[in-house]
Amino acid sequence: MSSTTASASSTSAPTSSTPASQIIPTSSQNLLNDKWDVVLSNALIKTGLGFGGGVLASILFFKRRQFPVWLGIGFGLGRGYAEGDAIFRSNHGLRTVKA
């Protein structure tokens, strides 16, 4: 019972005495931050998978040459960019008004 009262008191609205660094950002800032988190993590994962696929292809098929690794990294970065562009262009999370 005491844990619920402690959590309820810690989620109160910011007062005028709270510093600016502890003020909760607005919902549009949260939406943009969430999108950036998804885009950056997605690009990092796609690039890592492209690197791994390039290393594997280089070892198995191309006598340890470098071009499959760079090609895999390029594909991963390109795919991450394309999906990030689609995420930022989507209307998910935005309020739309039909006139």
C-alpha atoms as a PDB file:
ATOM      1  CA  MET A   1       0.000   0.000   0.000  1.00  0.00           C
ATOM      2  CA  SER A   2       2.835   2.389   0.756  1.00  0.00           C
ATOM      3  CA  SER A   3       4.411   1.818  -2.659  1.00  0.00           C
ATOM      4  CA  THR A   4       1.286   3.081  -4.425  1.00  0.00           C
ATOM      5  CA  THR A   5       1.184   6.256  -2.370  1.00  0.00           C
ATOM      6  CA  ALA A   6       4.870   6.870  -2.987  1.00  0.00           C
ATOM      7  CA  SER A   7       4.473   6.453  -6.739  1.00  0.00           C
ATOM      8  CA  ALA A   8       1.387   8.679  -6.797  1.00  0.00           C
ATOM      9  CA  SER A   9       3.200  11.482  -5.020  1.00  0.00           C
ATOM     10  CA  SER A  10       6.239  11.267  -7.330  1.00  0.00           C
ATOM     11  CA  THR A  11       4.146  11.746 -10.484  1.00  0.00           C
ATOM     12  CA  SER A  12       2.694  15.099  -9.481  1.00  0.00           C
ATOM     13  CA  ALA A  13       2.717  18.040 -11.883  1.00  0.00           C
ATOM     14  CA  PRO A  14       5.828  20.224 -11.936  1.00  0.00           C
ATOM     15  CA  THR A  15       5.671  23.250  -9.666  1.00  0.00           C
ATOM     16  CA  SER A  16       7.184  26.662 -10.160  1.00  0.00           C
ATOM     17  CA  SER A  17      10.153  25.727  -7.953  1.00  0.00           C
ATOM     18  CA  THR A  18      11.278  22.793 -10.173  1.00  0.00           C
ATOM     19  CA  PRO A  19      14.302  23.483 -12.361  1.00  0.00           C
ATOM     20  CA  ALA A  20      13.892  23.699 -16.135  1.00  0.00           C
ATOM     21  CA  SER A  21      15.805  20.445 -16.669  1.00  0.00           C
ATOM     22  CA  GLN A  22      13.091  18.462 -14.866  1.00  0.00           C
ATOM     23  CA  ILE A  23      10.110  19.853 -16.785  1.00  0.00           C
ATOM     24  CA  ILE A  24       8.379  17.187 -18.861  1.00  0.00           C
ATOM     25  CA  PRO A  25       8.562  17.955 -22.608  1.00  0.00           C
ATOM     26  CA  THR A  26       5.388  18.517 -24.581  1.00  0.00           C
ATOM     27  CA  SER A  27       3.683  15.735 -26.455  1.00  0.00           C
ATOM     28  CA  SER A  28       5.059  16.883 -29.832  1.00  0.00           C
ATOM     29  CA  GLN A  29       8.579  16.695 -28.438  1.00  0.00           C
ATOM     30  CA  ASN A  30       7.880  13.224 -27.087  1.00  0.00           C
ATOM     31  CA  LEU A  31       6.531  12.134 -30.460  1.00  0.00           C
ATOM     32  CA  LEU A  32       9.595  13.427 -32.289  1.00  0.00           C
ATOM     33  CA  ASN A  33      11.968  11.898 -29.736  1.00  0.00           C
ATOM     34  CA  ASP A  34      10.220   8.544 -30.035  1.00  0.00           C
ATOM     35  CA  LYS A  35      10.494   8.654 -33.820  1.00  0.00           C
ATOM     36  CA  TRP A  36      14.212   9.495 -33.651  1.00  0.00           C
ATOM     37  CA  ASP A  37      14.769   6.619 -31.225  1.00  0.00           C
ATOM     38  CA  VAL A  38      13.089   4.178 -33.603  1.00  0.00           C
ATOM     39  CA  VAL A  39      14.910   5.520 -36.673  1.00  0.00           C
ATOM     40  CA  LEU A  40      18.382   5.456 -35.123  1.00  0.00           C
ATOM     41  CA  SER A  41      18.001   2.027 -33.568  1.00  0.00           C
ATOM     42  CA  ASN A  42      16.541   0.661 -36.814  1.00  0.00           C
ATOM     43  CA  ALA A  43      19.416   2.092 -38.876  1.00  0.00           C
ATOM     44  CA  LEU A  44      21.975   0.708 -36.441  1.00  0.00           C
ATOM     45  CA  ILE A  45      20.424  -2.767 -36.551  1.00  0.00           C
ATOM     46  CA  LYS A  46      20.113  -2.779 -40.359  1.00  0.00           C
ATOM     47  CA  THR A  47      23.713  -1.626 -40.749  1.00  0.00           C
ATOM     48  CA  GLY A  48      24.940  -4.296 -38.339  1.00  0.00           C
ATOM     49  CA  LEU A  49      23.004  -6.991 -40.192  1.00  0.00           C
ATOM     50  CA  GLY A  50      24.402  -5.748 -43.502  1.00  0.00           C
ATOM     51  CA  PHE A  51      27.904  -5.828 -42.060  1.00  0.00           C
ATOM     52  CA  GLY A  52      27.412  -9.364 -40.781  1.00  0.00           C
ATOM     53  CA  GLY A  53      25.979 -10.545 -44.086  1.00  0.00           C
ATOM     54  CA  GLY A  54      28.853  -8.904 -45.941  1.00  0.00           C
ATOM     55  CA  VAL A  55      31.451 -10.559 -43.725  1.00  0.00           C
ATOM     56  CA  LEU A  56      29.769 -13.927 -44.144  1.00  0.00           C
ATOM     57  CA  ALA A  57      29.572 -13.529 -47.932  1.00  0.00           C
ATOM     58  CA  SER A  58      33.177 -12.351 -48.042  1.00  0.00           C
ATOM     59  CA  ILE A  59      34.425 -15.371 -46.121  1.00  0.00           C
ATOM     60  CA  LEU A  60      32.289 -17.985 -47.885  1.00  0.00           C
ATOM     61  CA  PHE A  61      32.162 -16.796 -51.497  1.00  0.00           C
ATOM     62  CA  PHE A  62      34.672 -14.045 -52.318  1.00  0.00           C
ATOM     63  CA  LYS A  63      38.006 -15.195 -50.864  1.00  0.00           C
ATOM     64  CA  ARG A  64      37.964 -12.590 -48.073  1.00  0.00           C
ATOM     65  CA  ARG A  65      37.693  -9.517 -50.267  1.00  0.00           C
ATOM     66  CA  GLN A  66      36.380  -6.253 -48.853  1.00  0.00           C
ATOM     67  CA  PHE A  67      33.676  -5.261 -51.314  1.00  0.00           C
ATOM     68  CA  PRO A  68      30.913  -7.556 -49.929  1.00  0.00           C
ATOM     69  CA  VAL A  69      31.364  -5.992 -46.483  1.00  0.00           C
ATOM     70  CA  TRP A  70      31.079  -2.445 -47.837  1.00  0.00           C
ATOM     71  CA  LEU A  71      28.164  -3.469 -50.027  1.00  0.00           C
ATOM     72  CA  GLY A  72      26.364  -4.953 -47.029  1.00  0.00           C
ATOM     73  CA  ILE A  73      26.983  -1.821 -44.971  1.00  0.00           C
ATOM     74  CA  GLY A  74      25.667   0.317 -47.836  1.00  0.00           C
ATOM     75  CA  PHE A  75      22.528  -1.780 -48.172  1.00  0.00           C
ATOM     76  CA  GLY A  76      21.963  -1.602 -44.416  1.00  0.00           C
ATOM     77  CA  LEU A  77      22.389   2.164 -44.273  1.00  0.00           C
ATOM     78  CA  GLY A  78      20.169   2.642 -47.319  1.00  0.00           C
ATOM     79  CA  ARG A  79      17.435   0.462 -45.879  1.00  0.00           C
ATOM     80  CA  GLY A  80      17.653   2.277 -42.540  1.00  0.00           C
ATOM     81  CA  TYR A  81      17.397   5.638 -44.301  1.00  0.00           C
ATOM     82  CA  ALA A  82      14.406   4.542 -46.385  1.00  0.00           C
ATOM     83  CA  GLU A  83      12.515   3.218 -43.379  1.00  0.00           C
ATOM     84  CA  GLY A  84      13.414   6.318 -41.348  1.00  0.00           C
ATOM     85  CA  ASP A  85      12.069   8.530 -44.099  1.00  0.00           C
ATOM     86  CA  ALA A  86       8.836   6.531 -44.096  1.00  0.00           C
ATOM     87  CA  ILE A  87       8.575   6.843 -40.310  1.00  0.00           C
ATOM     88  CA  PHE A  88       8.961  10.625 -40.383  1.00  0.00           C
ATOM     89  CA  ARG A  89       6.490  11.012 -43.257  1.00  0.00           C
ATOM     90  CA  SER A  90       3.777   8.920 -41.604  1.00  0.00           C
ATOM     91  CA  ASN A  91       0.838  10.547 -39.848  1.00  0.00           C
ATOM     92  CA  HIS A  92       0.882   8.044 -36.993  1.00  0.00           C
ATOM     93  CA  GLY A  93       0.512   9.884 -33.724  1.00  0.00           C
ATOM     94  CA  LEU A  94      -0.527  13.171 -35.321  1.00  0.00           C
ATOM     95  CA  ARG A  95      -3.937  14.719 -34.940  1.00  0.00           C
ATOM     96  CA  THR A  96      -5.760  15.254 -38.224  1.00  0.00           C
ATOM     97  CA  VAL A  97      -8.793  17.464 -38.689  1.00  0.00           C
ATOM     98  CA  LYS A  98     -11.284  16.682 -41.450  1.00  0.00           C
ATOM     99  CA  ALA A  99     -12.864  19.871 -42.776  1.00  0.00           C
END
